[in-house]
């Protein structure tokens, strides 16, 4: 659960910093650009960690299925945010891309640590 707390904490702090730096006029774009990548990263991390602890051999299949689902969801999300809510495209895309990449990097480091520790019984 430390990974989830780090993901959420870093995301919230950087969103607040960006809004403080650039102003509230892009607040919705920053928050909505962060929201989907954060929720999906937390959800996928929890599923990966639980699966790895119970049946490590299923993690790869889960990650492949997750990748396919993320592609569809994120495509839909971006269209809805830009066309449906008419957000400012540049701040939204910068926020979305930044959080998407940063959260996947955090997840990669967490995976490395998880695999190095080896599977353990659920607590």
PDB file of N, CA and C in Angstrom:
ATOM      1  N   UNK A   1       0.809  -1.203   0.000  1.00  0.00           N
ATOM      2  CA  UNK A   1       0.000   0.000   0.000  1.00  0.00           C
ATOM      3  C   UNK A   1       0.852   1.266   0.000  1.00  0.00           C
ATOM      4  N   UNK A   2       2.133   1.129   0.284  1.00  0.00           N
ATOM      5  CA  UNK A   2       3.002   2.297   0.229  1.00  0.00           C
ATOM      6  C   UNK A   2       3.034   2.895  -1.163  1.00  0.00           C
ATOM      7  N   UNK A   3       3.023   2.036  -2.164  1.00  0.00           N
ATOM      8  CA  UNK A   3       3.069   2.508  -3.545  1.00  0.00           C
ATOM      9  C   UNK A   3       1.839   3.346  -3.870  1.00  0.00           C
ATOM     10  N   UNK A   4       0.679   2.913  -3.447  1.00  0.00           N
ATOM     11  CA  UNK A   4      -0.562   3.654  -3.691  1.00  0.00           C
ATOM     12  C   UNK A   4      -0.492   5.021  -3.008  1.00  0.00           C
ATOM     13  N   UNK A   5      -0.013   5.059  -1.777  1.00  0.00           N
ATOM     14  CA  UNK A   5       0.102   6.329  -1.060  1.00  0.00           C
ATOM     15  C   UNK A   5       1.072   7.273  -1.770  1.00  0.00           C
ATOM     16  N   UNK A   6       2.184   6.738  -2.245  1.00  0.00           N
ATOM     17  CA  UNK A   6       3.142   7.565  -2.986  1.00  0.00           C
ATOM     18  C   UNK A   6       2.529   8.098  -4.274  1.00  0.00           C
ATOM     19  N   UNK A   7       1.846   7.241  -5.014  1.00  0.00           N
ATOM     20  CA  UNK A   7       1.212   7.681  -6.263  1.00  0.00           C
ATOM     21  C   UNK A   7       0.225   8.813  -5.999  1.00  0.00           C
ATOM     22  N   UNK A   8      -0.647   8.602  -5.029  1.00  0.00           N
ATOM     23  CA  UNK A   8      -1.673   9.599  -4.723  1.00  0.00           C
ATOM     24  C   UNK A   8      -1.056  10.881  -4.161  1.00  0.00           C
ATOM     25  N   UNK A   9      -0.113  10.726  -3.252  1.00  0.00           N
ATOM     26  CA  UNK A   9       0.494  11.897  -2.623  1.00  0.00           C
ATOM     27  C   UNK A   9       1.281  12.759  -3.592  1.00  0.00           C
ATOM     28  N   UNK A  10       2.126  12.135  -4.385  1.00  0.00           N
ATOM     29  CA  UNK A  10       2.927  12.882  -5.356  1.00  0.00           C
ATOM     30  C   UNK A  10       2.021  13.539  -6.392  1.00  0.00           C
ATOM     31  N   UNK A  11       1.006  12.826  -6.838  1.00  0.00           N
ATOM     32  CA  UNK A  11       0.078  13.388  -7.825  1.00  0.00           C
ATOM     33  C   UNK A  11      -0.653  14.603  -7.264  1.00  0.00           C
ATOM     34  N   UNK A  12      -1.166  14.491  -6.065  1.00  0.00           N
ATOM     35  CA  UNK A  12      -1.904  15.597  -5.457  1.00  0.00           C
ATOM     36  C   UNK A  12      -0.999  16.804  -5.235  1.00  0.00           C
ATOM     37  N   UNK A  13       0.193  16.566  -4.711  1.00  0.00           N
ATOM     38  CA  UNK A  13       1.116  17.684  -4.457  1.00  0.00           C
ATOM     39  C   UNK A  13       1.546  18.381  -5.745  1.00  0.00           C
ATOM     40  N   UNK A  14       1.844  17.623  -6.771  1.00  0.00           N
ATOM     41  CA  UNK A  14       2.267  18.250  -8.024  1.00  0.00           C
ATOM     42  C   UNK A  14       1.102  18.971  -8.708  1.00  0.00           C
ATOM     43  N   UNK A  15      -0.108  18.440  -8.576  1.00  0.00           N
ATOM     44  CA  UNK A  15      -1.271  19.134  -9.143  1.00  0.00           C
ATOM     45  C   UNK A  15      -1.492  20.462  -8.421  1.00  0.00           C
ATOM     46  N   UNK A  16      -1.394  20.443  -7.104  1.00  0.00           N
ATOM     47  CA  UNK A  16      -1.539  21.690  -6.340  1.00  0.00           C
ATOM     48  C   UNK A  16      -0.442  22.684  -6.693  1.00  0.00           C
ATOM     49  N   UNK A  17       0.777  22.187  -6.867  1.00  0.00           N
ATOM     50  CA  UNK A  17       1.885  23.067  -7.246  1.00  0.00           C
ATOM     51  C   UNK A  17       1.661  23.672  -8.627  1.00  0.00           C
ATOM     52  N   UNK A  18       1.199  22.870  -9.572  1.00  0.00           N
ATOM     53  CA  UNK A  18       0.946  23.372 -10.926  1.00  0.00           C
ATOM     54  C   UNK A  18      -0.165  24.416 -10.923  1.00  0.00           C
ATOM     55  N   UNK A  19      -1.208  24.163 -10.171  1.00  0.00           N
ATOM     56  CA  UNK A  19      -2.305  25.132 -10.103  1.00  0.00           C
ATOM     57  C   UNK A  19      -1.833  26.408  -9.414  1.00  0.00           C
ATOM     58  N   UNK A  20      -1.030  26.264  -8.376  1.00  0.00           N
ATOM     59  CA  UNK A  20      -0.473  27.437  -7.706  1.00  0.00           C
ATOM     60  C   UNK A  20       0.451  28.235  -8.611  1.00  0.00           C
ATOM     61  N   UNK A  21       1.216  27.550  -9.420  1.00  0.00           N
ATOM     62  CA  UNK A  21       2.185  28.207 -10.297  1.00  0.00           C
ATOM     63  C   UNK A  21       1.502  28.862 -11.502  1.00  0.00           C
ATOM     64  N   UNK A  22       0.610  28.132 -12.151  1.00  0.00           N
ATOM     65  CA  UNK A  22       0.004  28.613 -13.392  1.00  0.00           C
ATOM     66  C   UNK A  22      -1.361  29.269 -13.195  1.00  0.00           C
ATOM     67  N   UNK A  23      -1.938  29.118 -12.034  1.00  0.00           N
ATOM     68  CA  UNK A  23      -3.212  29.761 -11.753  1.00  0.00           C
ATOM     69  C   UNK A  23      -4.396  28.821 -11.864  1.00  0.00           C
ATOM     70  N   UNK A  24      -5.481  29.248 -11.287  1.00  0.00           N
ATOM     71  CA  UNK A  24      -6.700  28.424 -11.252  1.00  0.00           C
ATOM     72  C   UNK A  24      -7.366  28.288 -12.615  1.00  0.00           C
ATOM     73  N   UNK A  25      -6.978  29.119 -13.562  1.00  0.00           N
ATOM     74  CA  UNK A  25      -7.625  29.062 -14.879  1.00  0.00           C
ATOM     75  C   UNK A  25      -7.391  27.728 -15.576  1.00  0.00           C
ATOM     76  N   UNK A  26      -6.358  26.987 -15.146  1.00  0.00           N
ATOM     77  CA  UNK A  26      -6.114  25.659 -15.728  1.00  0.00           C
ATOM     78  C   UNK A  26      -6.319  24.556 -14.695  1.00  0.00           C
ATOM     79  N   UNK A  27      -6.941  24.890 -13.585  1.00  0.00           N
ATOM     80  CA  UNK A  27      -7.140  23.919 -12.504  1.00  0.00           C
ATOM     81  C   UNK A  27      -7.893  22.674 -12.940  1.00  0.00           C
ATOM     82  N   UNK A  28      -8.977  22.854 -13.670  1.00  0.00           N
ATOM     83  CA  UNK A  28      -9.768  21.704 -14.124  1.00  0.00           C
ATOM     84  C   UNK A  28      -8.948  20.821 -15.054  1.00  0.00           C
ATOM     85  N   UNK A  29      -8.183  21.452 -15.943  1.00  0.00           N
ATOM     86  CA  UNK A  29      -7.366  20.685 -16.889  1.00  0.00           C
ATOM     87  C   UNK A  29      -6.295  19.870 -16.167  1.00  0.00           C
ATOM     88  N   UNK A  30      -5.663  20.486 -15.177  1.00  0.00           N
ATOM     89  CA  UNK A  30      -4.619  19.781 -14.429  1.00  0.00           C
ATOM     90  C   UNK A  30      -5.222  18.613 -13.651  1.00  0.00           C
ATOM     91  N   UNK A  31      -6.290  18.866 -12.938  1.00  0.00           N
ATOM     92  CA  UNK A  31      -6.901  17.820 -12.101  1.00  0.00           C
ATOM     93  C   UNK A  31      -7.477  16.695 -12.964  1.00  0.00           C
ATOM     94  N   UNK A  32      -8.192  17.052 -14.028  1.00  0.00           N
ATOM     95  CA  UNK A  32      -8.764  16.006 -14.878  1.00  0.00           C
ATOM     96  C   UNK A  32      -7.699  15.291 -15.705  1.00  0.00           C
ATOM     97  N   UNK A  33      -6.602  15.970 -16.002  1.00  0.00           N
ATOM     98  CA  UNK A  33      -5.480  15.307 -16.664  1.00  0.00           C
ATOM     99  C   UNK A  33      -4.788  14.319 -15.740  1.00  0.00           C
ATOM    100  N   UNK A  34      -4.850  14.567 -14.448  1.00  0.00           N
ATOM    101  CA  UNK A  34      -4.246  13.687 -13.453  1.00  0.00           C
ATOM    102  C   UNK A  34      -5.183  12.543 -13.064  1.00  0.00           C
ATOM    103  N   UNK A  35      -6.468  12.804 -13.017  1.00  0.00           N
ATOM    104  CA  UNK A  35      -7.426  11.890 -12.409  1.00  0.00           C
ATOM    105  C   UNK A  35      -7.436  10.490 -13.023  1.00  0.00           C
ATOM    106  N   UNK A  36      -7.640  10.392 -14.310  1.00  0.00           N
ATOM    107  CA  UNK A  36      -7.730   9.057 -14.936  1.00  0.00           C
ATOM    108  C   UNK A  36      -6.417   8.276 -14.827  1.00  0.00           C
ATOM    109  N   UNK A  37      -5.257   8.888 -15.152  1.00  0.00           N
ATOM    110  CA  UNK A  37      -4.025   8.117 -14.982  1.00  0.00           C
ATOM    111  C   UNK A  37      -3.795   7.657 -13.539  1.00  0.00           C
ATOM    112  N   UNK A  38      -4.150   8.492 -12.576  1.00  0.00           N
ATOM    113  CA  UNK A  38      -3.964   8.129 -11.175  1.00  0.00           C
ATOM    114  C   UNK A  38      -4.887   6.985 -10.768  1.00  0.00           C
ATOM    115  N   UNK A  39      -6.159   7.083 -11.084  1.00  0.00           N
ATOM    116  CA  UNK A  39      -7.113   6.037 -10.704  1.00  0.00           C
ATOM    117  C   UNK A  39      -6.746   4.711 -11.363  1.00  0.00           C
ATOM    118  N   UNK A  40      -6.401   4.768 -12.640  1.00  0.00           N
ATOM    119  CA  UNK A  40      -6.038   3.546 -13.358  1.00  0.00           C
ATOM    120  C   UNK A  40      -4.726   2.968 -12.831  1.00  0.00           C
ATOM    121  N   UNK A  41      -3.746   3.817 -12.541  1.00  0.00           N
ATOM    122  CA  UNK A  41      -2.463   3.329 -12.011  1.00  0.00           C
ATOM    123  C   UNK A  41      -2.659   2.670 -10.648  1.00  0.00           C
ATOM    124  N   UNK A  42      -3.450   3.281  -9.792  1.00  0.00           N
ATOM    125  CA  UNK A  42      -3.707   2.694  -8.473  1.00  0.00           C
ATOM    126  C   UNK A  42      -4.456   1.373  -8.625  1.00  0.00           C
ATOM    127  N   UNK A  43      -5.484   1.369  -9.449  1.00  0.00           N
ATOM    128  CA  UNK A  43      -6.245   0.135  -9.648  1.00  0.00           C
ATOM    129  C   UNK A  43      -5.408  -0.987 -10.227  1.00  0.00           C
ATOM    130  N   UNK A  44      -4.609  -0.672 -11.232  1.00  0.00           N
ATOM    131  CA  UNK A  44      -3.787  -1.727 -11.831  1.00  0.00           C
ATOM    132  C   UNK A  44      -2.711  -2.193 -10.861  1.00  0.00           C
ATOM    133  N   UNK A  45      -2.148  -1.264 -10.074  1.00  0.00           N
ATOM    134  CA  UNK A  45      -1.121  -1.675  -9.124  1.00  0.00           C
ATOM    135  C   UNK A  45      -1.701  -2.618  -8.063  1.00  0.00           C
ATOM    136  N   UNK A  46      -2.860  -2.277  -7.549  1.00  0.00           N
ATOM    137  CA  UNK A  46      -3.487  -3.132  -6.528  1.00  0.00           C
ATOM    138  C   UNK A  46      -3.759  -4.519  -7.105  1.00  0.00           C
ATOM    139  N   UNK A  47      -4.299  -4.583  -8.313  1.00  0.00           N
ATOM    140  CA  UNK A  47      -4.563  -5.882  -8.947  1.00  0.00           C
ATOM    141  C   UNK A  47      -3.273  -6.666  -9.201  1.00  0.00           C
ATOM    142  N   UNK A  48      -2.254  -5.988  -9.696  1.00  0.00           N
ATOM    143  CA  UNK A  48      -0.976  -6.664  -9.967  1.00  0.00           C
ATOM    144  C   UNK A  48      -0.368  -7.202  -8.686  1.00  0.00           C
ATOM    145  N   UNK A  49      -0.350  -6.378  -7.647  1.00  0.00           N
ATOM    146  CA  UNK A  49       0.252  -6.805  -6.379  1.00  0.00           C
ATOM    147  C   UNK A  49      -0.496  -7.992  -5.773  1.00  0.00           C
ATOM    148  N   UNK A  50      -1.813  -7.928  -5.779  1.00  0.00           N
ATOM    149  CA  UNK A  50      -2.608  -9.035  -5.232  1.00  0.00           C
ATOM    150  C   UNK A  50      -2.412 -10.309  -6.054  1.00  0.00           C
ATOM    151  N   UNK A  51      -2.411 -10.167  -7.360  1.00  0.00           N
ATOM    152  CA  UNK A  51      -2.225 -11.327  -8.230  1.00  0.00           C
ATOM    153  C   UNK A  51      -0.843 -11.931  -8.026  1.00  0.00           C
ATOM    154  N   UNK A  52       0.172 -11.088  -7.925  1.00  0.00           N
ATOM    155  CA  UNK A  52       1.539 -11.578  -7.740  1.00  0.00           C
ATOM    156  C   UNK A  52       1.686 -12.328  -6.424  1.00  0.00           C
ATOM    157  N   UNK A  53       1.057 -11.838  -5.385  1.00  0.00           N
ATOM    158  CA  UNK A  53       1.144 -12.502  -4.072  1.00  0.00           C
ATOM    159  C   UNK A  53       0.456 -13.871  -4.087  1.00  0.00           C
ATOM    160  N   UNK A  54      -0.632 -13.997  -4.863  1.00  0.00           N
ATOM    161  CA  UNK A  54      -1.387 -15.249  -4.883  1.00  0.00           C
ATOM    162  C   UNK A  54      -0.889 -16.215  -5.957  1.00  0.00           C
ATOM    163  N   UNK A  55      -0.795 -15.716  -7.195  1.00  0.00           N
ATOM    164  CA  UNK A  55      -0.410 -16.559  -8.333  1.00  0.00           C
ATOM    165  C   UNK A  55       0.486 -15.759  -9.271  1.00  0.00           C
ATOM    166  N   UNK A  56       1.781 -15.735  -9.000  1.00  0.00           N
ATOM    167  CA  UNK A  56       2.707 -14.900  -9.782  1.00  0.00           C
ATOM    168  C   UNK A  56       2.690 -15.193 -11.281  1.00  0.00           C
ATOM    169  N   UNK A  57       2.380 -16.412 -11.659  1.00  0.00           N
ATOM    170  CA  UNK A  57       2.396 -16.766 -13.079  1.00  0.00           C
ATOM    171  C   UNK A  57       1.279 -16.077 -13.875  1.00  0.00           C
ATOM    172  N   UNK A  58       0.321 -15.502 -13.212  1.00  0.00           N
ATOM    173  CA  UNK A  58      -0.791 -14.825 -13.898  1.00  0.00           C
ATOM    174  C   UNK A  58      -0.551 -13.325 -14.116  1.00  0.00           C
ATOM    175  N   UNK A  59       0.538 -12.793 -13.596  1.00  0.00           N
ATOM    176  CA  UNK A  59       0.780 -11.354 -13.680  1.00  0.00           C
ATOM    177  C   UNK A  59       0.937 -10.889 -15.128  1.00  0.00           C
ATOM    178  N   UNK A  60       1.666 -11.613 -15.936  1.00  0.00           N
ATOM    179  CA  UNK A  60       1.881 -11.190 -17.320  1.00  0.00           C
ATOM    180  C   UNK A  60       0.569 -11.107 -18.080  1.00  0.00           C
ATOM    181  N   UNK A  61      -0.262 -12.107 -17.962  1.00  0.00           N
ATOM    182  CA  UNK A  61      -1.567 -12.082 -18.626  1.00  0.00           C
ATOM    183  C   UNK A  61      -2.422 -10.921 -18.150  1.00  0.00           C
ATOM    184  N   UNK A  62      -2.393 -10.664 -16.860  1.00  0.00           N
ATOM    185  CA  UNK A  62      -3.135  -9.545 -16.299  1.00  0.00           C
ATOM    186  C   UNK A  62      -2.635  -8.224 -16.869  1.00  0.00           C
ATOM    187  N   UNK A  63      -1.329  -8.082 -16.972  1.00  0.00           N
ATOM    188  CA  UNK A  63      -0.758  -6.845 -17.498  1.00  0.00           C
ATOM    189  C   UNK A  63      -1.084  -6.652 -18.976  1.00  0.00           C
ATOM    190  N   UNK A  64      -1.088  -7.715 -19.746  1.00  0.00           N
ATOM    191  CA  UNK A  64      -1.443  -7.622 -21.169  1.00  0.00           C
ATOM    192  C   UNK A  64      -2.906  -7.214 -21.320  1.00  0.00           C
ATOM    193  N   UNK A  65      -3.787  -7.847 -20.561  1.00  0.00           N
ATOM    194  CA  UNK A  65      -5.203  -7.491 -20.604  1.00  0.00           C
ATOM    195  C   UNK A  65      -5.407  -6.054 -20.131  1.00  0.00           C
ATOM    196  N   UNK A  66      -4.686  -5.674 -19.099  1.00  0.00           N
ATOM    197  CA  UNK A  66      -4.772  -4.307 -18.593  1.00  0.00           C
ATOM    198  C   UNK A  66      -4.330  -3.290 -19.617  1.00  0.00           C
ATOM    199  N   UNK A  67      -3.276  -3.610 -20.351  1.00  0.00           N
ATOM    200  CA  UNK A  67      -2.778  -2.711 -21.394  1.00  0.00           C
ATOM    201  C   UNK A  67      -3.851  -2.471 -22.452  1.00  0.00           C
ATOM    202  N   UNK A  68      -4.489  -3.531 -22.889  1.00  0.00           N
ATOM    203  CA  UNK A  68      -5.542  -3.403 -23.906  1.00  0.00           C
ATOM    204  C   UNK A  68      -6.707  -2.571 -23.368  1.00  0.00           C
ATOM    205  N   UNK A  69      -7.109  -2.843 -22.151  1.00  0.00           N
ATOM    206  CA  UNK A  69      -8.195  -2.086 -21.552  1.00  0.00           C
ATOM    207  C   UNK A  69      -7.851  -0.620 -21.365  1.00  0.00           C
ATOM    208  N   UNK A  70      -6.617  -0.349 -20.970  1.00  0.00           N
ATOM    209  CA  UNK A  70      -6.175   1.037 -20.784  1.00  0.00           C
ATOM    210  C   UNK A  70      -6.186   1.797 -22.098  1.00  0.00           C
ATOM    211  N   UNK A  71      -5.760   1.166 -23.185  1.00  0.00           N
ATOM    212  CA  UNK A  71      -5.747   1.847 -24.482  1.00  0.00           C
ATOM    213  C   UNK A  71      -7.146   2.320 -24.850  1.00  0.00           C
ATOM    214  N   UNK A  72      -8.114   1.455 -24.689  1.00  0.00           N
ATOM    215  CA  UNK A  72      -9.495   1.808 -25.032  1.00  0.00           C
ATOM    216  C   UNK A  72     -10.014   2.890 -24.086  1.00  0.00           C
ATOM    217  N   UNK A  73      -9.832   2.685 -22.801  1.00  0.00           N
ATOM    218  CA  UNK A  73     -10.343   3.635 -21.817  1.00  0.00           C
ATOM    219  C   UNK A  73      -9.716   5.016 -21.987  1.00  0.00           C
ATOM    220  N   UNK A  74      -8.387   5.081 -22.090  1.00  0.00           N
ATOM    221  CA  UNK A  74      -7.726   6.380 -22.191  1.00  0.00           C
ATOM    222  C   UNK A  74      -8.098   7.108 -23.479  1.00  0.00           C
ATOM    223  N   UNK A  75      -8.250   6.387 -24.576  1.00  0.00           N
ATOM    224  CA  UNK A  75      -8.697   7.027 -25.814  1.00  0.00           C
ATOM    225  C   UNK A  75     -10.066   7.664 -25.638  1.00  0.00           C
ATOM    226  N   UNK A  76     -10.975   6.922 -25.047  1.00  0.00           N
ATOM    227  CA  UNK A  76     -12.317   7.426 -24.782  1.00  0.00           C
ATOM    228  C   UNK A  76     -12.271   8.613 -23.816  1.00  0.00           C
ATOM    229  N   UNK A  77     -11.486   8.502 -22.776  1.00  0.00           N
ATOM    230  CA  UNK A  77     -11.385   9.550 -21.751  1.00  0.00           C
ATOM    231  C   UNK A  77     -10.901  10.869 -22.348  1.00  0.00           C
ATOM    232  N   UNK A  78      -9.859  10.800 -23.150  1.00  0.00           N
ATOM    233  CA  UNK A  78      -9.307  12.019 -23.749  1.00  0.00           C
ATOM    234  C   UNK A  78     -10.340  12.684 -24.661  1.00  0.00           C
ATOM    235  N   UNK A  79     -11.028  11.897 -25.454  1.00  0.00           N
ATOM    236  CA  UNK A  79     -12.050  12.464 -26.344  1.00  0.00           C
ATOM    237  C   UNK A  79     -13.160  13.121 -25.531  1.00  0.00           C
ATOM    238  N   UNK A  80     -13.626  12.461 -24.493  1.00  0.00           N
ATOM    239  CA  UNK A  80     -14.702  13.020 -23.666  1.00  0.00           C
ATOM    240  C   UNK A  80     -14.239  14.313 -22.990  1.00  0.00           C
ATOM    241  N   UNK A  81     -13.025  14.338 -22.487  1.00  0.00           N
ATOM    242  CA  UNK A  81     -12.527  15.538 -21.807  1.00  0.00           C
ATOM    243  C   UNK A  81     -12.370  16.709 -22.770  1.00  0.00           C
ATOM    244  N   UNK A  82     -11.832  16.446 -23.951  1.00  0.00           N
ATOM    245  CA  UNK A  82     -11.562  17.535 -24.887  1.00  0.00           C
ATOM    246  C   UNK A  82     -12.800  17.957 -25.673  1.00  0.00           C
ATOM    247  N   UNK A  83     -13.609  17.009 -26.094  1.00  0.00           N
ATOM    248  CA  UNK A  83     -14.799  17.343 -26.892  1.00  0.00           C
ATOM    249  C   UNK A  83     -16.028  17.550 -26.008  1.00  0.00           C
ATOM    250  N   UNK A  84     -16.226  16.651 -25.073  1.00  0.00           N
ATOM    251  CA  UNK A  84     -17.415  16.722 -24.227  1.00  0.00           C
ATOM    252  C   UNK A  84     -17.379  17.847 -23.220  1.00  0.00           C
ATOM    253  N   UNK A  85     -16.253  18.004 -22.533  1.00  0.00           N
ATOM    254  CA  UNK A  85     -16.141  19.059 -21.520  1.00  0.00           C
ATOM    255  C   UNK A  85     -15.479  20.320 -22.058  1.00  0.00           C
ATOM    256  N   UNK A  86     -14.966  20.235 -23.276  1.00  0.00           N
ATOM    257  CA  UNK A  86     -14.327  21.384 -23.934  1.00  0.00           C
ATOM    258  C   UNK A  86     -13.223  22.008 -23.075  1.00  0.00           C
ATOM    259  N   UNK A  87     -12.385  21.159 -22.507  1.00  0.00           N
ATOM    260  CA  UNK A  87     -11.246  21.658 -21.738  1.00  0.00           C
ATOM    261  C   UNK A  87     -10.232  22.286 -22.670  1.00  0.00           C
ATOM    262  N   UNK A  88      -9.389  23.152 -22.118  1.00  0.00           N
ATOM    263  CA  UNK A  88      -8.299  23.721 -22.899  1.00  0.00           C
ATOM    264  C   UNK A  88      -7.350  22.578 -23.266  1.00  0.00           C
ATOM    265  N   UNK A  89      -7.095  22.366 -24.549  1.00  0.00           N
ATOM    266  CA  UNK A  89      -6.339  21.178 -24.951  1.00  0.00           C
ATOM    267  C   UNK A  89      -4.898  21.132 -24.456  1.00  0.00           C
ATOM    268  N   UNK A  90      -4.154  22.223 -24.543  1.00  0.00           N
ATOM    269  CA  UNK A  90      -2.729  22.156 -24.192  1.00  0.00           C
ATOM    270  C   UNK A  90      -2.509  21.836 -22.720  1.00  0.00           C
ATOM    271  N   UNK A  91      -3.128  22.563 -21.779  1.00  0.00           N
ATOM    272  CA  UNK A  91      -2.903  22.197 -20.371  1.00  0.00           C
ATOM    273  C   UNK A  91      -3.380  20.789 -20.035  1.00  0.00           C
ATOM    274  N   UNK A  92      -4.516  20.381 -20.619  1.00  0.00           N
ATOM    275  CA  UNK A  92      -5.022  19.039 -20.340  1.00  0.00           C
ATOM    276  C   UNK A  92      -4.063  17.977 -20.861  1.00  0.00           C
ATOM    277  N   UNK A  93      -3.625  18.111 -22.103  1.00  0.00           N
ATOM    278  CA  UNK A  93      -2.744  17.104 -22.707  1.00  0.00           C
ATOM    279  C   UNK A  93      -1.401  17.060 -21.989  1.00  0.00           C
ATOM    280  N   UNK A  94      -0.863  18.216 -21.614  1.00  0.00           N
ATOM    281  CA  UNK A  94       0.402  18.239 -20.871  1.00  0.00           C
ATOM    282  C   UNK A  94       0.224  17.542 -19.520  1.00  0.00           C
ATOM    283  N   UNK A  95      -0.855  17.857 -18.812  1.00  0.00           N
ATOM    284  CA  UNK A  95      -1.125  17.224 -17.528  1.00  0.00           C
ATOM    285  C   UNK A  95      -1.333  15.726 -17.684  1.00  0.00           C
ATOM    286  N   UNK A  96      -2.201  15.346 -18.603  1.00  0.00           N
ATOM    287  CA  UNK A  96      -2.498  13.925 -18.821  1.00  0.00           C
ATOM    288  C   UNK A  96      -1.225  13.149 -19.173  1.00  0.00           C
ATOM    289  N   UNK A  97      -0.467  13.665 -20.114  1.00  0.00           N
ATOM    290  CA  UNK A  97       0.755  12.976 -20.550  1.00  0.00           C
ATOM    291  C   UNK A  97       1.775  12.897 -19.425  1.00  0.00           C
ATOM    292  N   UNK A  98       1.950  13.987 -18.713  1.00  0.00           N
ATOM    293  CA  UNK A  98       2.909  13.995 -17.604  1.00  0.00           C
ATOM    294  C   UNK A  98       2.558  12.985 -16.526  1.00  0.00           C
ATOM    295  N   UNK A  99       1.308  12.970 -16.125  1.00  0.00           N
ATOM    296  CA  UNK A  99       0.892  12.014 -15.092  1.00  0.00           C
ATOM    297  C   UNK A  99       0.903  10.583 -15.616  1.00  0.00           C
ATOM    298  N   UNK A 100       0.490  10.395 -16.845  1.00  0.00           N
ATOM    299  CA  UNK A 100       0.501   9.062 -17.445  1.00  0.00           C
ATOM    300  C   UNK A 100       1.917   8.478 -17.407  1.00  0.00           C
ATOM    301  N   UNK A 101       2.884   9.252 -17.863  1.00  0.00           N
ATOM    302  CA  UNK A 101       4.279   8.778 -17.900  1.00  0.00           C
ATOM    303  C   UNK A 101       4.831   8.614 -16.490  1.00  0.00           C
ATOM    304  N   UNK A 102       4.655   9.623 -15.659  1.00  0.00           N
ATOM    305  CA  UNK A 102       5.220   9.577 -14.303  1.00  0.00           C
ATOM    306  C   UNK A 102       4.645   8.411 -13.491  1.00  0.00           C
ATOM    307  N   UNK A 103       3.357   8.188 -13.583  1.00  0.00           N
ATOM    308  CA  UNK A 103       2.751   7.098 -12.818  1.00  0.00           C
ATOM    309  C   UNK A 103       3.173   5.732 -13.345  1.00  0.00           C
ATOM    310  N   UNK A 104       3.380   5.615 -14.660  1.00  0.00           N
ATOM    311  CA  UNK A 104       3.877   4.352 -15.187  1.00  0.00           C
ATOM    312  C   UNK A 104       5.332   4.110 -14.775  1.00  0.00           C
ATOM    313  N   UNK A 105       6.114   5.162 -14.672  1.00  0.00           N
ATOM    314  CA  UNK A 105       7.491   5.015 -14.171  1.00  0.00           C
ATOM    315  C   UNK A 105       7.469   4.569 -12.708  1.00  0.00           C
ATOM    316  N   UNK A 106       6.595   5.177 -11.908  1.00  0.00           N
ATOM    317  CA  UNK A 106       6.469   4.763 -10.509  1.00  0.00           C
ATOM    318  C   UNK A 106       6.048   3.294 -10.419  1.00  0.00           C
ATOM    319  N   UNK A 107       5.129   2.913 -11.278  1.00  0.00           N
ATOM    320  CA  UNK A 107       4.662   1.531 -11.281  1.00  0.00           C
ATOM    321  C   UNK A 107       5.783   0.574 -11.707  1.00  0.00           C
ATOM    322  N   UNK A 108       6.604   0.998 -12.647  1.00  0.00           N
ATOM    323  CA  UNK A 108       7.724   0.154 -13.089  1.00  0.00           C
ATOM    324  C   UNK A 108       8.720  -0.067 -11.955  1.00  0.00           C
ATOM    325  N   UNK A 109       9.035   0.984 -11.220  1.00  0.00           N
ATOM    326  CA  UNK A 109       9.945   0.821 -10.085  1.00  0.00           C
ATOM    327  C   UNK A 109       9.329  -0.052  -8.994  1.00  0.00           C
ATOM    328  N   UNK A 110       8.032   0.097  -8.778  1.00  0.00           N
ATOM    329  CA  UNK A 110       7.351  -0.736  -7.791  1.00  0.00           C
ATOM    330  C   UNK A 110       7.340  -2.196  -8.233  1.00  0.00           C
ATOM    331  N   UNK A 111       7.143  -2.438  -9.523  1.00  0.00           N
ATOM    332  CA  UNK A 111       7.197  -3.811 -10.044  1.00  0.00           C
ATOM    333  C   UNK A 111       8.582  -4.410  -9.840  1.00  0.00           C
ATOM    334  N   UNK A 112       9.597  -3.622 -10.121  1.00  0.00           N
ATOM    335  CA  UNK A 112      10.966  -4.102  -9.925  1.00  0.00           C
ATOM    336  C   UNK A 112      11.197  -4.518  -8.467  1.00  0.00           C
ATOM    337  N   UNK A 113      10.734  -3.674  -7.558  1.00  0.00           N
ATOM    338  CA  UNK A 113      10.880  -3.993  -6.133  1.00  0.00           C
ATOM    339  C   UNK A 113      10.050  -5.221  -5.764  1.00  0.00           C
ATOM    340  N   UNK A 114       8.833  -5.310  -6.283  1.00  0.00           N
ATOM    341  CA  UNK A 114       7.962  -6.452  -5.998  1.00  0.00           C
ATOM    342  C   UNK A 114       8.592  -7.750  -6.479  1.00  0.00           C
ATOM    343  N   UNK A 115       9.102  -7.747  -7.703  1.00  0.00           N
ATOM    344  CA  UNK A 115       9.718  -8.958  -8.256  1.00  0.00           C
ATOM    345  C   UNK A 115      11.002  -9.317  -7.526  1.00  0.00           C
ATOM    346  N   UNK A 116      11.751  -8.321  -7.067  1.00  0.00           N
ATOM    347  CA  UNK A 116      12.989  -8.590  -6.335  1.00  0.00           C
ATOM    348  C   UNK A 116      12.701  -9.212  -4.971  1.00  0.00           C
ATOM    349  N   UNK A 117      11.594  -8.797  -4.348  1.00  0.00           N
ATOM    350  CA  UNK A 117      11.226  -9.336  -3.027  1.00  0.00           C
ATOM    351  C   UNK A 117      10.708 -10.763  -3.123  1.00  0.00           C
ATOM    352  N   UNK A 118      10.137 -11.117  -4.258  1.00  0.00           N
ATOM    353  CA  UNK A 118       9.576 -12.454  -4.427  1.00  0.00           C
ATOM    354  C   UNK A 118       8.182 -12.542  -3.867  1.00  0.00           C
ATOM    355  N   UNK A 119       7.419 -13.547  -4.311  1.00  0.00           N
ATOM    356  CA  UNK A 119       6.036 -13.678  -3.836  1.00  0.00           C
ATOM    357  C   UNK A 119       6.001 -14.089  -2.364  1.00  0.00           C
ATOM    358  N   UNK A 120       5.031 -13.546  -1.668  1.00  0.00           N
ATOM    359  CA  UNK A 120       4.802 -13.885  -0.267  1.00  0.00           C
ATOM    360  C   UNK A 120       3.328 -14.163  -0.069  1.00  0.00           C
ATOM    361  N   UNK A 121       3.032 -14.804   0.995  1.00  0.00           N
ATOM    362  CA  UNK A 121       1.630 -15.079   1.309  1.00  0.00           C
ATOM    363  C   UNK A 121       0.912 -13.762   1.611  1.00  0.00           C
ATOM    364  N   UNK A 122      -0.346 -13.657   1.254  1.00  0.00           N
ATOM    365  CA  UNK A 122      -1.103 -12.440   1.574  1.00  0.00           C
ATOM    366  C   UNK A 122      -1.120 -12.195   3.066  1.00  0.00           C
ATOM    367  N   UNK A 123      -1.111 -10.925   3.429  1.00  0.00           N
ATOM    368  CA  UNK A 123      -1.096 -10.573   4.877  1.00  0.00           C
ATOM    369  C   UNK A 123      -2.475 -10.375   5.394  1.00  0.00           C
TER     370      UNK A 123
END
